[in-house]
Amino acid sequence: MANKLVVPIAGLHCRACEILVEDHSKKLKNIKEITVNHQKGLAEIIFKNEEPSLKEIAHELAKLVYSLGTENVTIKKPKQNFSYWFSIMAAIIIVYWLLGRSHFLEFSGLIQGGF
């Protein structure tokens, strides 16, 4: 399991900013991989062994005229919308109906009232 740290970065404007921060940050101790997103203002850091120091990260960002953001970042798993669950239920009903039509399910008559 990879260790992951997500930090906000202030001052990112474009893809070039992302590349600059990614290339420069790989020099930091214990950082295995870094992915920067200028639209969200976030850096996702995959690290080895111990977590990199936020102080060291801030120092390296300052060399590039960027800084650590001040907001707290929480990563939330996106919720599934109604159409997702509706399509799952529709698929289950269709499979059940097809199995019932092929007489694969012996108990399908019980549900229809044919005790």
C-alpha atoms as a PDB file:
ATOM      1  CA  MET A   1       0.000   0.000   0.000  1.00  0.00           C
ATOM      2  CA  ALA A   2       1.398   3.348  -1.037  1.00  0.00           C
ATOM      3  CA  ASN A   3       1.706   6.176   1.417  1.00  0.00           C
ATOM      4  CA  LYS A   4       0.000   9.289   0.085  1.00  0.00           C
ATOM      5  CA  LEU A   5      -0.008  12.914   1.162  1.00  0.00           C
ATOM      6  CA  VAL A   6      -2.199  15.579  -0.460  1.00  0.00           C
ATOM      7  CA  VAL A   7      -1.162  19.209   0.044  1.00  0.00           C
ATOM      8  CA  PRO A   8      -2.602  22.477  -1.284  1.00  0.00           C
ATOM      9  CA  ILE A   9      -0.249  24.699  -3.304  1.00  0.00           C
ATOM     10  CA  ALA A  10      -0.917  28.398  -3.863  1.00  0.00           C
ATOM     11  CA  GLY A  11       0.213  30.238  -6.985  1.00  0.00           C
ATOM     12  CA  LEU A  12      -0.221  27.559  -9.646  1.00  0.00           C
ATOM     13  CA  HIS A  13      -1.501  28.959 -12.946  1.00  0.00           C
ATOM     14  CA  CYS A  14      -0.861  26.486 -15.759  1.00  0.00           C
ATOM     15  CA  ARG A  15       0.548  23.131 -16.850  1.00  0.00           C
ATOM     16  CA  ALA A  16       4.059  24.624 -16.874  1.00  0.00           C
ATOM     17  CA  CYS A  17       3.683  25.373 -13.157  1.00  0.00           C
ATOM     18  CA  GLU A  18       2.727  21.732 -12.572  1.00  0.00           C
ATOM     19  CA  ILE A  19       5.777  20.437 -14.442  1.00  0.00           C
ATOM     20  CA  LEU A  20       8.126  22.839 -12.647  1.00  0.00           C
ATOM     21  CA  VAL A  21       6.878  21.827  -9.187  1.00  0.00           C
ATOM     22  CA  GLU A  22       6.855  18.106 -10.067  1.00  0.00           C
ATOM     23  CA  ASP A  23      10.421  18.155 -11.397  1.00  0.00           C
ATOM     24  CA  HIS A  24      11.789  20.232  -8.536  1.00  0.00           C
ATOM     25  CA  SER A  25       9.979  18.295  -5.785  1.00  0.00           C
ATOM     26  CA  LYS A  26      11.359  14.918  -6.862  1.00  0.00           C
ATOM     27  CA  LYS A  27      14.659  16.029  -5.291  1.00  0.00           C
ATOM     28  CA  LEU A  28      13.091  15.945  -1.818  1.00  0.00           C
ATOM     29  CA  LYS A  29      13.870  13.070   0.514  1.00  0.00           C
ATOM     30  CA  ASN A  30      11.474  10.061   0.474  1.00  0.00           C
ATOM     31  CA  ILE A  31       9.307  11.328  -2.413  1.00  0.00           C
ATOM     32  CA  LYS A  32       8.641   8.509  -4.847  1.00  0.00           C
ATOM     33  CA  GLU A  33       6.172  10.308  -7.124  1.00  0.00           C
ATOM     34  CA  ILE A  34       4.380  13.639  -7.223  1.00  0.00           C
ATOM     35  CA  THR A  35       1.387  14.739  -9.299  1.00  0.00           C
ATOM     36  CA  VAL A  36       0.383  18.402  -9.316  1.00  0.00           C
ATOM     37  CA  ASN A  37      -2.984  19.751 -10.498  1.00  0.00           C
ATOM     38  CA  HIS A  38      -3.021  23.516 -11.071  1.00  0.00           C
ATOM     39  CA  GLN A  39      -6.824  23.628 -11.507  1.00  0.00           C
ATOM     40  CA  LYS A  40      -7.448  22.160  -8.058  1.00  0.00           C
ATOM     41  CA  GLY A  41      -4.312  23.690  -6.540  1.00  0.00           C
ATOM     42  CA  LEU A  42      -3.251  20.326  -5.120  1.00  0.00           C
ATOM     43  CA  ALA A  43      -0.180  18.127  -5.104  1.00  0.00           C
ATOM     44  CA  GLU A  44      -0.561  14.399  -4.497  1.00  0.00           C
ATOM     45  CA  ILE A  45       2.686  13.011  -3.105  1.00  0.00           C
ATOM     46  CA  ILE A  46       3.462   9.284  -2.994  1.00  0.00           C
ATOM     47  CA  PHE A  47       6.304   8.712  -0.552  1.00  0.00           C
ATOM     48  CA  LYS A  48       8.589   5.951   0.697  1.00  0.00           C
ATOM     49  CA  ASN A  49       9.043   5.098   4.355  1.00  0.00           C
ATOM     50  CA  GLU A  50       8.422   8.307   6.323  1.00  0.00           C
ATOM     51  CA  GLU A  51       6.246  11.260   5.352  1.00  0.00           C
ATOM     52  CA  PRO A  52       8.138  14.215   3.853  1.00  0.00           C
ATOM     53  CA  SER A  53       8.360  17.294   6.053  1.00  0.00           C
ATOM     54  CA  LEU A  54       5.866  20.032   5.220  1.00  0.00           C
ATOM     55  CA  LYS A  55       8.550  22.519   6.220  1.00  0.00           C
ATOM     56  CA  GLU A  56      10.927  21.088   3.588  1.00  0.00           C
ATOM     57  CA  ILE A  57       8.161  21.081   0.975  1.00  0.00           C
ATOM     58  CA  ALA A  58       7.312  24.718   1.774  1.00  0.00           C
ATOM     59  CA  HIS A  59      10.995  25.670   1.544  1.00  0.00           C
ATOM     60  CA  GLU A  60      11.366  24.060  -1.898  1.00  0.00           C
ATOM     61  CA  LEU A  61       8.133  25.662  -3.135  1.00  0.00           C
ATOM     62  CA  ALA A  62       9.358  29.077  -1.972  1.00  0.00           C
ATOM     63  CA  LYS A  63      12.406  28.686  -4.239  1.00  0.00           C
ATOM     64  CA  LEU A  64       9.936  28.447  -7.142  1.00  0.00           C
ATOM     65  CA  VAL A  65       7.743  31.368  -5.900  1.00  0.00           C
ATOM     66  CA  TYR A  66       4.910  29.057  -4.823  1.00  0.00           C
ATOM     67  CA  SER A  67       3.702  28.325  -1.307  1.00  0.00           C
ATOM     68  CA  LEU A  68       1.722  25.768   0.626  1.00  0.00           C
ATOM     69  CA  GLY A  69      -1.963  26.637   0.580  1.00  0.00           C
ATOM     70  CA  THR A  70      -3.687  27.536   3.807  1.00  0.00           C
ATOM     71  CA  GLU A  71      -6.908  25.580   3.350  1.00  0.00           C
ATOM     72  CA  ASN A  72      -7.479  22.125   4.768  1.00  0.00           C
ATOM     73  CA  VAL A  73      -7.851  19.519   2.073  1.00  0.00           C
ATOM     74  CA  THR A  74     -10.121  16.536   2.387  1.00  0.00           C
ATOM     75  CA  ILE A  75     -10.419  13.949  -0.335  1.00  0.00           C
ATOM     76  CA  LYS A  76     -13.924  12.588  -0.652  1.00  0.00           C
ATOM     77  CA  LYS A  77     -15.046   9.631  -2.665  1.00  0.00           C
ATOM     78  CA  PRO A  78     -17.606  10.813  -5.204  1.00  0.00           C
ATOM     79  CA  LYS A  79     -21.173   9.735  -4.499  1.00  0.00           C
ATOM     80  CA  GLN A  80     -22.961   7.589  -7.053  1.00  0.00           C
ATOM     81  CA  ASN A  81     -25.912   9.393  -8.587  1.00  0.00           C
ATOM     82  CA  PHE A  82     -29.471   8.132  -9.038  1.00  0.00           C
ATOM     83  CA  SER A  83     -28.940   7.011 -12.657  1.00  0.00           C
ATOM     84  CA  TYR A  84     -26.088   4.737 -11.575  1.00  0.00           C
ATOM     85  CA  TRP A  85     -28.244   2.904  -9.034  1.00  0.00           C
ATOM     86  CA  PHE A  86     -31.235   2.855 -11.390  1.00  0.00           C
ATOM     87  CA  SER A  87     -29.156   1.191 -14.122  1.00  0.00           C
ATOM     88  CA  ILE A  88     -27.847  -1.416 -11.631  1.00  0.00           C
ATOM     89  CA  MET A  89     -31.394  -2.289 -10.526  1.00  0.00           C
ATOM     90  CA  ALA A  90     -32.616  -2.397 -14.148  1.00  0.00           C
ATOM     91  CA  ALA A  91     -29.789  -4.787 -15.054  1.00  0.00           C
ATOM     92  CA  ILE A  92     -30.660  -7.077 -12.132  1.00  0.00           C
ATOM     93  CA  ILE A  93     -34.348  -7.124 -13.105  1.00  0.00           C
ATOM     94  CA  ILE A  94     -33.542  -7.862 -16.758  1.00  0.00           C
ATOM     95  CA  VAL A  95     -31.170 -10.713 -15.836  1.00  0.00           C
ATOM     96  CA  TYR A  96     -33.767 -12.176 -13.473  1.00  0.00           C
ATOM     97  CA  TRP A  97     -36.472 -11.893 -16.137  1.00  0.00           C
ATOM     98  CA  LEU A  98     -34.262 -13.589 -18.770  1.00  0.00           C
ATOM     99  CA  LEU A  99     -33.371 -16.405 -16.379  1.00  0.00           C
ATOM    100  CA  GLY A 100     -37.057 -16.878 -15.534  1.00  0.00           C
ATOM    101  CA  ARG A 101     -38.017 -17.004 -19.236  1.00  0.00           C
ATOM    102  CA  SER A 102     -35.386 -19.665 -19.867  1.00  0.00           C
ATOM    103  CA  HIS A 103     -36.741 -21.737 -16.930  1.00  0.00           C
ATOM    104  CA  PHE A 104     -33.299 -21.604 -15.395  1.00  0.00           C
ATOM    105  CA  LEU A 105     -34.766 -20.521 -12.079  1.00  0.00           C
ATOM    106  CA  GLU A 106     -36.992 -23.269 -10.720  1.00  0.00           C
ATOM    107  CA  PHE A 107     -38.507 -21.069  -8.040  1.00  0.00           C
ATOM    108  CA  SER A 108     -39.600 -18.287 -10.420  1.00  0.00           C
ATOM    109  CA  GLY A 109     -43.130 -19.741 -10.360  1.00  0.00           C
ATOM    110  CA  LEU A 110     -43.286 -19.297  -6.587  1.00  0.00           C
ATOM    111  CA  ILE A 111     -42.942 -15.564  -6.925  1.00  0.00           C
ATOM    112  CA  GLN A 112     -45.677 -15.431  -9.573  1.00  0.00           C
ATOM    113  CA  GLY A 113     -48.113 -17.232  -7.252  1.00  0.00           C
ATOM    114  CA  GLY A 114     -47.910 -20.764  -8.671  1.00  0.00           C
ATOM    115  CA  PHE A 115     -47.393 -22.705  -5.439  1.00  0.00           C
END
